[in-house]
Amino acid sequence: MAEQRKSGYCKNCKKDVIVFRPGTNHILHLLISIVTMGVWLIPWFLHSIKIGGWRCQTCGSKSVNSIK
């Protein structure tokens, strides 16, 4: 699965770190949407908005502020 990474600040580590979140495999979701005749578009959309959020690569904590 794809993974997005960028710089961020971890409140737990109290320093700038690399933060990550799971990416979306759009090709797989497109194929599932075709097979299910569009029914899969709703779960695809919900998965694409990244409900899980960013995590610190060092400690795994969710208490990070991502830097744009």
Protein backbone atom coordinates (compact mmCIF):
# COMPACT_ATOMS: atom_id res chain seq x y z
CA MET A 1 0.00 0.00 0.00
CA ALA A 2 1.15 3.52 -0.70
CA GLU A 3 2.21 5.73 2.17
CA GLN A 4 2.44 9.52 2.37
CA ARG A 5 5.29 11.13 4.33
CA LYS A 6 6.24 14.69 5.24
CA SER A 7 7.77 16.76 8.03
CA GLY A 8 5.85 17.44 11.20
CA TYR A 9 6.18 18.16 14.90
CA CYS A 10 5.54 15.36 17.40
CA LYS A 11 4.18 16.54 20.75
CA ASN A 12 5.22 13.25 22.34
CA CYS A 13 8.86 13.33 21.09
CA LYS A 14 8.95 17.16 21.38
CA LYS A 15 10.85 17.57 18.08
CA ASP A 16 10.44 17.79 14.32
CA VAL A 17 10.09 14.33 12.82
CA ILE A 18 8.91 12.60 9.66
CA VAL A 19 5.18 11.90 9.88
CA PHE A 20 3.25 9.40 7.76
CA ARG A 21 -0.25 8.23 6.95
CA PRO A 22 -1.56 5.39 4.80
CA GLY A 23 -2.16 6.24 1.16
CA THR A 24 -4.96 5.10 -1.11
CA ASN A 25 -4.45 2.60 -3.91
CA HIS A 26 -6.65 4.34 -6.48
CA ILE A 27 -6.18 1.69 -9.20
CA LEU A 28 -7.50 -1.05 -6.90
CA HIS A 29 -10.47 1.09 -5.83
CA LEU A 30 -11.26 1.93 -9.46
CA LEU A 31 -11.31 -1.77 -10.39
CA ILE A 32 -13.53 -2.62 -7.41
CA SER A 33 -15.87 0.26 -8.36
CA ILE A 34 -16.20 -1.08 -11.90
CA VAL A 35 -16.87 -4.65 -10.71
CA THR A 36 -19.49 -3.49 -8.18
CA MET A 37 -21.10 -1.10 -10.69
CA GLY A 38 -20.31 2.01 -8.64
CA VAL A 39 -21.37 0.76 -5.21
CA TRP A 40 -17.74 0.92 -4.03
CA LEU A 41 -17.50 4.69 -4.70
CA ILE A 42 -18.77 5.53 -1.19
CA PRO A 43 -16.16 3.43 0.70
CA TRP A 44 -13.48 4.71 -1.71
CA PHE A 45 -14.37 8.30 -0.88
CA LEU A 46 -14.40 7.62 2.86
CA HIS A 47 -11.01 5.90 2.67
CA SER A 48 -9.57 8.75 0.60
CA ILE A 49 -10.26 11.41 3.25
CA LYS A 50 -7.66 9.76 5.52
CA ILE A 51 -9.64 9.33 8.71
CA GLY A 52 -6.60 7.82 10.51
CA GLY A 53 -4.51 10.98 10.34
CA TRP A 54 -0.77 11.55 10.57
CA ARG A 55 1.51 9.52 12.87
CA CYS A 56 5.06 10.09 14.12
CA GLN A 57 7.57 7.78 12.41
CA THR A 58 9.70 7.64 15.59
CA CYS A 59 7.16 6.80 18.30
CA GLY A 60 3.95 6.11 16.33
CA SER A 61 1.99 8.71 18.28
CA LYS A 62 -1.02 10.42 16.69
CA SER A 63 -0.23 13.67 18.52
CA VAL A 64 1.53 15.38 15.61
CA ASN A 65 1.07 18.65 13.76
CA SER A 66 1.91 18.17 10.10
CA ILE A 67 3.90 20.97 8.49
CA LYS A 68 2.65 21.91 5.04
